[in-house]
Amino acid sequence: MEKFKVIIVEDVPLELKGTEGIFKNDIPEAEIIGTAENEIAYWKLIRHQKPDLVLLDLGLGGSTTVGVEICRQTKDAYPSIKVLIFTGEILNEKLWVDVLDAGADGICLKSGELLTRGDVASVMSGKRLVFNQPILERIVNRFKQSVGSQLMHQEAMVEYEIDEYDERFLRHLALGYTKEQITNLRGMPFGVKSLEKRQNELSQKLFPNGNGGMNINATRLVVRALELRIIDIDNLEPDED
């Protein structure tokens, strides 16, 4: 790895000292040209000397959004600068998505193996989406859950003989559409009476043994469809009208 310049953005003195120690002991090619504990100090630093890498904490001064904005503005103003996130926000997955959308080259969580020479070398060599082991484990688990959910959906569609119109009907019921509104959807060739008939047929398919003697209304039908993964609560989007 060739020599490079780095700015560390970190507002916790003890964690800053530890990060500086990692560079000193494991990544001697890095020249730390400055450290910043907040946004103002960071922009003052970068105006005087451009780094090759910004190692950026996200939770600055109690705010999680400041780090995302620093990343976005840095990438907009200096596209060649690498931005590697080094954060203790280990549970805020939305924040990870936000900072990746903002252009971050990678994310390392402050847990497990922390920051390694390999992580930094990967970023400096031009690789994108560099993650350390803790975040990789979270990503892989989410991937497995997503694939498993898709398989359950496919199996349920076959087992209960659900067609495209059944799925659209159930999905829009879940979104609060009335049958009258559903009939007006583009490519939905059914009137209200046809949808009522379809609802009765779906009730028989999804409740082959009845519902304990209780009436199966639209709400109960939708809940059952969610339980069986016929419709996905994380992907409830309406069709275009």
C-alpha atoms as a PDB file:
ATOM      1  CA  MET A   1       0.000   0.000   0.000  1.00  0.00           C
ATOM      2  CA  GLU A   2       1.371   3.405  -0.970  1.00  0.00           C
ATOM      3  CA  LYS A   3       1.568   6.296   1.468  1.00  0.00           C
ATOM      4  CA  PHE A   4      -1.606   8.328   1.836  1.00  0.00           C
ATOM      5  CA  LYS A   5      -3.062  11.158   3.899  1.00  0.00           C
ATOM      6  CA  VAL A   6      -6.033  10.731   6.212  1.00  0.00           C
ATOM      7  CA  ILE A   7      -8.340  12.919   8.271  1.00  0.00           C
ATOM      8  CA  ILE A   8     -10.100  11.251  11.209  1.00  0.00           C
ATOM      9  CA  VAL A   9     -13.503  12.625  12.216  1.00  0.00           C
ATOM     10  CA  GLU A  10     -14.293  11.431  15.750  1.00  0.00           C
ATOM     11  CA  ASP A  11     -15.796  13.255  18.724  1.00  0.00           C
ATOM     12  CA  VAL A  12     -14.913  10.807  21.526  1.00  0.00           C
ATOM     13  CA  PRO A  13     -11.318  11.408  22.698  1.00  0.00           C
ATOM     14  CA  LEU A  14     -10.737   7.851  23.913  1.00  0.00           C
ATOM     15  CA  GLU A  15     -11.982   6.337  20.654  1.00  0.00           C
ATOM     16  CA  LEU A  16      -9.908   8.825  18.660  1.00  0.00           C
ATOM     17  CA  LYS A  17      -6.803   7.776  20.574  1.00  0.00           C
ATOM     18  CA  GLY A  18      -7.555   4.116  19.833  1.00  0.00           C
ATOM     19  CA  THR A  19      -8.078   4.811  16.135  1.00  0.00           C
ATOM     20  CA  GLU A  20      -4.836   6.764  15.921  1.00  0.00           C
ATOM     21  CA  GLY A  21      -3.124   3.776  17.558  1.00  0.00           C
ATOM     22  CA  ILE A  22      -4.487   1.435  14.889  1.00  0.00           C
ATOM     23  CA  PHE A  23      -2.996   3.588  12.141  1.00  0.00           C
ATOM     24  CA  LYS A  24       0.326   3.982  13.949  1.00  0.00           C
ATOM     25  CA  ASN A  25       0.755   0.282  14.683  1.00  0.00           C
ATOM     26  CA  ASP A  26      -0.955  -1.435  11.724  1.00  0.00           C
ATOM     27  CA  ILE A  27      -1.057   1.080   8.881  1.00  0.00           C
ATOM     28  CA  PRO A  28       2.215   3.043   8.934  1.00  0.00           C
ATOM     29  CA  GLU A  29       1.641   4.181   5.330  1.00  0.00           C
ATOM     30  CA  ALA A  30      -1.062   6.526   6.630  1.00  0.00           C
ATOM     31  CA  GLU A  31      -0.173  10.106   7.524  1.00  0.00           C
ATOM     32  CA  ILE A  32      -2.806  11.589   9.812  1.00  0.00           C
ATOM     33  CA  ILE A  33      -2.937  15.202   8.677  1.00  0.00           C
ATOM     34  CA  GLY A  34      -5.678  16.208  11.096  1.00  0.00           C
ATOM     35  CA  THR A  35      -8.508  15.179  13.347  1.00  0.00           C
ATOM     36  CA  ALA A  36     -11.906  16.800  13.799  1.00  0.00           C
ATOM     37  CA  GLU A  37     -14.517  16.411  16.489  1.00  0.00           C
ATOM     38  CA  ASN A  38     -17.305  18.174  14.633  1.00  0.00           C
ATOM     39  CA  GLU A  39     -18.455  19.387  11.234  1.00  0.00           C
ATOM     40  CA  ILE A  40     -16.999  22.899  11.540  1.00  0.00           C
ATOM     41  CA  ALA A  41     -13.536  21.608  12.444  1.00  0.00           C
ATOM     42  CA  TYR A  42     -13.666  19.106   9.603  1.00  0.00           C
ATOM     43  CA  TRP A  43     -14.424  21.628   6.870  1.00  0.00           C
ATOM     44  CA  LYS A  44     -11.757  23.973   8.226  1.00  0.00           C
ATOM     45  CA  LEU A  45      -9.224  21.132   7.966  1.00  0.00           C
ATOM     46  CA  ILE A  46     -10.143  19.965   4.489  1.00  0.00           C
ATOM     47  CA  ARG A  47     -10.033  23.488   3.043  1.00  0.00           C
ATOM     48  CA  HIS A  48      -6.343  23.696   3.930  1.00  0.00           C
ATOM     49  CA  GLN A  49      -5.175  20.232   2.946  1.00  0.00           C
ATOM     50  CA  LYS A  50      -6.938  17.523   0.978  1.00  0.00           C
ATOM     51  CA  PRO A  51      -6.691  13.985   2.344  1.00  0.00           C
ATOM     52  CA  ASP A  52      -6.790  10.776   0.330  1.00  0.00           C
ATOM     53  CA  LEU A  53      -9.051   9.181   2.936  1.00  0.00           C
ATOM     54  CA  VAL A  54     -11.588  10.456   5.444  1.00  0.00           C
ATOM     55  CA  LEU A  55     -12.274   8.048   8.297  1.00  0.00           C
ATOM     56  CA  LEU A  56     -15.665   9.242   9.435  1.00  0.00           C
ATOM     57  CA  ASP A  57     -17.651   8.542  12.570  1.00  0.00           C
ATOM     58  CA  LEU A  58     -21.402   9.023  12.150  1.00  0.00           C
ATOM     59  CA  GLY A  59     -22.567   9.869  15.665  1.00  0.00           C
ATOM     60  CA  LEU A  60     -21.085  13.332  16.128  1.00  0.00           C
ATOM     61  CA  GLY A  61     -22.251  15.451  19.039  1.00  0.00           C
ATOM     62  CA  GLY A  62     -25.214  13.172  19.629  1.00  0.00           C
ATOM     63  CA  SER A  63     -26.451  13.541  16.039  1.00  0.00           C
ATOM     64  CA  THR A  64     -26.420  10.659  13.577  1.00  0.00           C
ATOM     65  CA  THR A  65     -27.323  12.746  10.536  1.00  0.00           C
ATOM     66  CA  VAL A  66     -24.277  15.049  10.652  1.00  0.00           C
ATOM     67  CA  GLY A  67     -21.947  12.256   9.563  1.00  0.00           C
ATOM     68  CA  VAL A  68     -24.191  11.360   6.626  1.00  0.00           C
ATOM     69  CA  GLU A  69     -24.193  14.973   5.439  1.00  0.00           C
ATOM     70  CA  ILE A  70     -20.409  15.249   5.820  1.00  0.00           C
ATOM     71  CA  CYS A  71     -20.076  12.150   3.633  1.00  0.00           C
ATOM     72  CA  ARG A  72     -22.492  13.431   0.985  1.00  0.00           C
ATOM     73  CA  GLN A  73     -20.973  16.899   0.789  1.00  0.00           C
ATOM     74  CA  THR A  74     -17.419  15.520   0.722  1.00  0.00           C
ATOM     75  CA  LYS A  75     -18.240  13.195  -2.152  1.00  0.00           C
ATOM     76  CA  ASP A  76     -19.981  15.997  -4.034  1.00  0.00           C
ATOM     77  CA  ALA A  77     -17.105  18.441  -3.580  1.00  0.00           C
ATOM     78  CA  TYR A  78     -14.167  16.006  -3.777  1.00  0.00           C
ATOM     79  CA  PRO A  79     -15.178  12.836  -5.659  1.00  0.00           C
ATOM     80  CA  SER A  80     -11.651  11.398  -5.539  1.00  0.00           C
ATOM     81  CA  ILE A  81     -11.489  11.387  -1.736  1.00  0.00           C
ATOM     82  CA  LYS A  82     -12.272   8.006  -0.188  1.00  0.00           C
ATOM     83  CA  VAL A  83     -14.743   8.014   2.697  1.00  0.00           C
ATOM     84  CA  LEU A  84     -14.677   5.045   5.047  1.00  0.00           C
ATOM     85  CA  ILE A  85     -17.262   5.038   7.824  1.00  0.00           C
ATOM     86  CA  PHE A  86     -16.036   3.848  11.223  1.00  0.00           C
ATOM     87  CA  THR A  87     -19.047   3.926  13.496  1.00  0.00           C
ATOM     88  CA  GLY A  88     -20.474   2.664  16.763  1.00  0.00           C
ATOM     89  CA  GLU A  89     -23.998   2.887  15.324  1.00  0.00           C
ATOM     90  CA  ILE A  90     -24.267  -0.895  15.291  1.00  0.00           C
ATOM     91  CA  LEU A  91     -28.071  -1.116  15.401  1.00  0.00           C
ATOM     92  CA  ASN A  92     -29.118   1.733  13.126  1.00  0.00           C
ATOM     93  CA  GLU A  93     -29.382  -0.074   9.807  1.00  0.00           C
ATOM     94  CA  LYS A  94     -31.245   2.803   8.151  1.00  0.00           C
ATOM     95  CA  LEU A  95     -28.240   4.993   8.864  1.00  0.00           C
ATOM     96  CA  TRP A  96     -26.006   2.528   7.011  1.00  0.00           C
ATOM     97  CA  VAL A  97     -28.288   2.733   3.980  1.00  0.00           C
ATOM     98  CA  ASP A  98     -28.337   6.536   4.155  1.00  0.00           C
ATOM     99  CA  VAL A  99     -24.558   6.828   4.247  1.00  0.00           C
ATOM    100  CA  LEU A 100     -24.098   4.337   1.400  1.00  0.00           C
ATOM    101  CA  ASP A 101     -26.567   6.395  -0.633  1.00  0.00           C
ATOM    102  CA  ALA A 102     -24.443   9.411   0.271  1.00  0.00           C
ATOM    103  CA  GLY A 103     -21.471   7.797  -1.479  1.00  0.00           C
ATOM    104  CA  ALA A 104     -19.479   6.121   1.303  1.00  0.00           C
ATOM    105  CA  ASP A 105     -16.869   3.655   0.066  1.00  0.00           C
ATOM    106  CA  GLY A 106     -17.459   1.294   2.950  1.00  0.00           C
ATOM    107  CA  ILE A 107     -18.573   0.833   6.542  1.00  0.00           C
ATOM    108  CA  CYS A 108     -16.691  -0.668   9.467  1.00  0.00           C
ATOM    109  CA  LEU A 109     -18.527  -1.173  12.745  1.00  0.00           C
ATOM    110  CA  LYS A 110     -16.796  -0.497  16.056  1.00  0.00           C
ATOM    111  CA  SER A 111     -17.269  -4.039  17.268  1.00  0.00           C
ATOM    112  CA  GLY A 112     -15.500  -7.358  16.797  1.00  0.00           C
ATOM    113  CA  GLU A 113     -12.365  -6.932  14.730  1.00  0.00           C
ATOM    114  CA  LEU A 114     -12.743  -3.116  14.477  1.00  0.00           C
ATOM    115  CA  LEU A 115     -10.689  -1.453  11.749  1.00  0.00           C
ATOM    116  CA  THR A 116      -8.123  -3.617   9.956  1.00  0.00           C
ATOM    117  CA  ARG A 117      -5.289  -2.930   7.572  1.00  0.00           C
ATOM    118  CA  GLY A 118      -7.126  -5.013   4.968  1.00  0.00           C
ATOM    119  CA  ASP A 119     -10.231  -2.808   5.184  1.00  0.00           C
ATOM    120  CA  VAL A 120      -8.219   0.359   4.636  1.00  0.00           C
ATOM    121  CA  ALA A 121      -6.126  -1.207   1.872  1.00  0.00           C
ATOM    122  CA  SER A 122      -9.276  -2.305   0.051  1.00  0.00           C
ATOM    123  CA  VAL A 123     -10.727   1.202   0.120  1.00  0.00           C
ATOM    124  CA  MET A 124      -7.458   2.808  -0.952  1.00  0.00           C
ATOM    125  CA  SER A 125      -7.165   0.375  -3.872  1.00  0.00           C
ATOM    126  CA  GLY A 126     -10.482   1.609  -5.210  1.00  0.00           C
ATOM    127  CA  LYS A 127     -12.866  -1.079  -4.003  1.00  0.00           C
ATOM    128  CA  ARG A 128     -16.408  -0.038  -3.152  1.00  0.00           C
ATOM    129  CA  LEU A 129     -18.715  -1.462  -0.508  1.00  0.00           C
ATOM    130  CA  VAL A 130     -15.930  -2.447   1.876  1.00  0.00           C
ATOM    131  CA  PHE A 131     -17.351  -3.906   5.101  1.00  0.00           C
ATOM    132  CA  ASN A 132     -15.727  -5.462   8.153  1.00  0.00           C
ATOM    133  CA  GLN A 133     -16.820  -8.787   9.606  1.00  0.00           C
ATOM    134  CA  PRO A 134     -19.516  -7.532  12.033  1.00  0.00           C
ATOM    135  CA  ILE A 135     -21.460  -5.667   9.351  1.00  0.00           C
ATOM    136  CA  LEU A 136     -20.914  -8.457   6.805  1.00  0.00           C
ATOM    137  CA  GLU A 137     -22.565 -10.905   9.204  1.00  0.00           C
ATOM    138  CA  ARG A 138     -25.575  -8.588   9.520  1.00  0.00           C
ATOM    139  CA  ILE A 139     -25.789  -8.169   5.751  1.00  0.00           C
ATOM    140  CA  VAL A 140     -25.559 -11.924   5.117  1.00  0.00           C
ATOM    141  CA  ASN A 141     -28.268 -12.630   7.712  1.00  0.00           C
ATOM    142  CA  ARG A 142     -30.548 -10.075   6.065  1.00  0.00           C
ATOM    143  CA  PHE A 143     -29.832 -11.619   2.672  1.00  0.00           C
ATOM    144  CA  LYS A 144     -30.705 -15.091   3.946  1.00  0.00           C
ATOM    145  CA  GLN A 145     -33.929 -13.786   5.481  1.00  0.00           C
ATOM    146  CA  SER A 146     -34.846 -12.071   2.224  1.00  0.00           C
ATOM    147  CA  VAL A 147     -34.212 -15.189   0.141  1.00  0.00           C
ATOM    148  CA  GLY A 148     -36.099 -17.338   2.650  1.00  0.00           C
ATOM    149  CA  SER A 149     -39.066 -14.968   2.525  1.00  0.00           C
ATOM    150  CA  GLN A 150     -39.094 -15.051  -1.286  1.00  0.00           C
ATOM    151  CA  LEU A 151     -39.052 -18.856  -1.288  1.00  0.00           C
ATOM    152  CA  MET A 152     -41.932 -18.986   1.199  1.00  0.00           C
ATOM    153  CA  HIS A 153     -43.863 -16.577  -1.016  1.00  0.00           C
ATOM    154  CA  GLN A 154     -43.283 -18.696  -4.120  1.00  0.00           C
ATOM    155  CA  GLU A 155     -44.255 -21.900  -2.313  1.00  0.00           C
ATOM    156  CA  ALA A 156     -47.423 -20.311  -0.903  1.00  0.00           C
ATOM    157  CA  MET A 157     -48.448 -19.029  -4.345  1.00  0.00           C
ATOM    158  CA  VAL A 158     -48.204 -22.570  -5.725  1.00  0.00           C
ATOM    159  CA  GLU A 159     -49.691 -24.404  -2.739  1.00  0.00           C
ATOM    160  CA  TYR A 160     -52.754 -22.162  -2.467  1.00  0.00           C
ATOM    161  CA  GLU A 161     -53.107 -21.649  -6.232  1.00  0.00           C
ATOM    162  CA  ILE A 162     -52.782 -17.874  -6.030  1.00  0.00           C
ATOM    163  CA  ASP A 163     -52.688 -16.062  -9.341  1.00  0.00           C
ATOM    164  CA  GLU A 164     -51.556 -12.544 -10.233  1.00  0.00           C
ATOM    165  CA  TYR A 165     -55.005 -11.057  -9.666  1.00  0.00           C
ATOM    166  CA  ASP A 166     -55.389 -12.738  -6.275  1.00  0.00           C
ATOM    167  CA  GLU A 167     -52.076 -11.245  -5.150  1.00  0.00           C
ATOM    168  CA  ARG A 168     -52.974  -7.777  -6.428  1.00  0.00           C
ATOM    169  CA  PHE A 169     -56.397  -7.982  -4.816  1.00  0.00           C
ATOM    170  CA  LEU A 170     -55.008  -9.024  -1.425  1.00  0.00           C
ATOM    171  CA  ARG A 171     -52.180  -6.485  -1.565  1.00  0.00           C
ATOM    172  CA  HIS A 172     -54.529  -3.584  -2.228  1.00  0.00           C
ATOM    173  CA  LEU A 173     -56.939  -4.750   0.461  1.00  0.00           C
ATOM    174  CA  ALA A 174     -53.965  -4.668   2.841  1.00  0.00           C
ATOM    175  CA  LEU A 175     -53.271  -1.084   1.729  1.00  0.00           C
ATOM    176  CA  GLY A 176     -56.825  -0.066   2.634  1.00  0.00           C
ATOM    177  CA  TYR A 177     -58.316   0.065  -0.865  1.00  0.00           C
ATOM    178  CA  THR A 178     -62.031  -0.598  -1.195  1.00  0.00           C
ATOM    179  CA  LYS A 179     -63.276  -3.081  -3.775  1.00  0.00           C
ATOM    180  CA  GLU A 180     -64.593  -0.152  -5.799  1.00  0.00           C
ATOM    181  CA  GLN A 181     -61.126   1.420  -5.871  1.00  0.00           C
ATOM    182  CA  ILE A 182     -59.507  -1.887  -6.808  1.00  0.00           C
ATOM    183  CA  THR A 183     -61.795  -2.291  -9.820  1.00  0.00           C
ATOM    184  CA  ASN A 184     -60.424   1.015 -11.127  1.00  0.00           C
ATOM    185  CA  LEU A 185     -56.813  -0.159 -11.113  1.00  0.00           C
ATOM    186  CA  ARG A 186     -55.209  -0.419 -14.517  1.00  0.00           C
ATOM    187  CA  GLY A 187     -55.303  -3.986 -15.813  1.00  0.00           C
ATOM    188  CA  MET A 188     -57.782  -5.197 -13.166  1.00  0.00           C
ATOM    189  CA  PRO A 189     -60.625  -6.598 -15.308  1.00  0.00           C
ATOM    190  CA  PHE A 190     -63.143  -7.225 -12.538  1.00  0.00           C
ATOM    191  CA  GLY A 191     -66.220  -5.553 -11.168  1.00  0.00           C
ATOM    192  CA  VAL A 192     -67.170  -5.398  -7.507  1.00  0.00           C
ATOM    193  CA  LYS A 193     -69.299  -8.570  -7.662  1.00  0.00           C
ATOM    194  CA  SER A 194     -66.435 -10.488  -9.277  1.00  0.00           C
ATOM    195  CA  LEU A 195     -64.095  -9.320  -6.523  1.00  0.00           C
ATOM    196  CA  GLU A 196     -66.573 -10.407  -3.860  1.00  0.00           C
ATOM    197  CA  LYS A 197     -66.667 -13.829  -5.481  1.00  0.00           C
ATOM    198  CA  ARG A 198     -62.863 -13.904  -5.610  1.00  0.00           C
ATOM    199  CA  GLN A 199     -62.730 -12.949  -1.916  1.00  0.00           C
ATOM    200  CA  ASN A 200     -64.994 -15.877  -1.036  1.00  0.00           C
ATOM    201  CA  GLU A 201     -62.834 -18.241  -3.083  1.00  0.00           C
ATOM    202  CA  LEU A 202     -59.694 -16.956  -1.380  1.00  0.00           C
ATOM    203  CA  SER A 203     -61.306 -17.455   2.013  1.00  0.00           C
ATOM    204  CA  GLN A 204     -61.913 -21.108   1.160  1.00  0.00           C
ATOM    205  CA  LYS A 205     -58.340 -21.533  -0.126  1.00  0.00           C
ATOM    206  CA  LEU A 206     -56.622 -19.891   2.831  1.00  0.00           C
ATOM    207  CA  PHE A 207     -58.965 -21.295   5.463  1.00  0.00           C
ATOM    208  CA  PRO A 208     -59.655 -24.842   4.204  1.00  0.00           C
ATOM    209  CA  ASN A 209     -60.798 -25.860   7.690  1.00  0.00           C
ATOM    210  CA  GLY A 210     -62.801 -22.746   8.315  1.00  0.00           C
ATOM    211  CA  ASN A 211     -61.944 -20.019  10.806  1.00  0.00           C
ATOM    212  CA  GLY A 212     -63.145 -21.646  14.013  1.00  0.00           C
ATOM    213  CA  GLY A 213     -66.718 -20.851  13.110  1.00  0.00           C
ATOM    214  CA  MET A 214     -65.965 -17.140  12.859  1.00  0.00           C
ATOM    215  CA  ASN A 215     -66.703 -14.981   9.833  1.00  0.00           C
ATOM    216  CA  ILE A 216     -63.775 -14.373   7.469  1.00  0.00           C
ATOM    217  CA  ASN A 217     -63.847 -10.690   6.610  1.00  0.00           C
ATOM    218  CA  ALA A 218     -61.375  -8.805   4.453  1.00  0.00           C
ATOM    219  CA  THR A 219     -59.149  -7.940   7.403  1.00  0.00           C
ATOM    220  CA  ARG A 220     -58.850 -11.564   8.553  1.00  0.00           C
ATOM    221  CA  LEU A 221     -58.181 -12.653   4.983  1.00  0.00           C
ATOM    222  CA  VAL A 222     -55.356 -10.106   4.613  1.00  0.00           C
ATOM    223  CA  VAL A 223     -53.785 -11.127   7.928  1.00  0.00           C
ATOM    224  CA  ARG A 224     -53.826 -14.748   6.812  1.00  0.00           C
ATOM    225  CA  ALA A 225     -52.201 -13.797   3.496  1.00  0.00           C
ATOM    226  CA  LEU A 226     -49.454 -11.986   5.423  1.00  0.00           C
ATOM    227  CA  GLU A 227     -48.930 -14.992   7.705  1.00  0.00           C
ATOM    228  CA  LEU A 228     -48.530 -17.280   4.706  1.00  0.00           C
ATOM    229  CA  ARG A 229     -46.194 -14.765   2.933  1.00  0.00           C
ATOM    230  CA  ILE A 230     -48.577 -14.538  -0.026  1.00  0.00           C
ATOM    231  CA  ILE A 231     -48.135 -10.814   0.396  1.00  0.00           C
ATOM    232  CA  ASP A 232     -45.072  -9.231   1.969  1.00  0.00           C
ATOM    233  CA  ILE A 233     -45.578  -6.575   4.640  1.00  0.00           C
ATOM    234  CA  ASP A 234     -42.203  -5.033   3.734  1.00  0.00           C
ATOM    235  CA  ASN A 235     -43.187  -4.622   0.089  1.00  0.00           C
ATOM    236  CA  LEU A 236     -46.733  -3.334   0.193  1.00  0.00           C
ATOM    237  CA  GLU A 237     -46.764  -0.951  -2.744  1.00  0.00           C
ATOM    238  CA  PRO A 238     -49.857  -0.011  -4.760  1.00  0.00           C
ATOM    239  CA  ASP A 239     -50.039  -0.504  -8.496  1.00  0.00           C
ATOM    240  CA  GLU A 240     -50.338   2.519 -10.720  1.00  0.00           C
ATOM    241  CA  ASP A 241     -53.939   3.621 -11.034  1.00  0.00           C
END
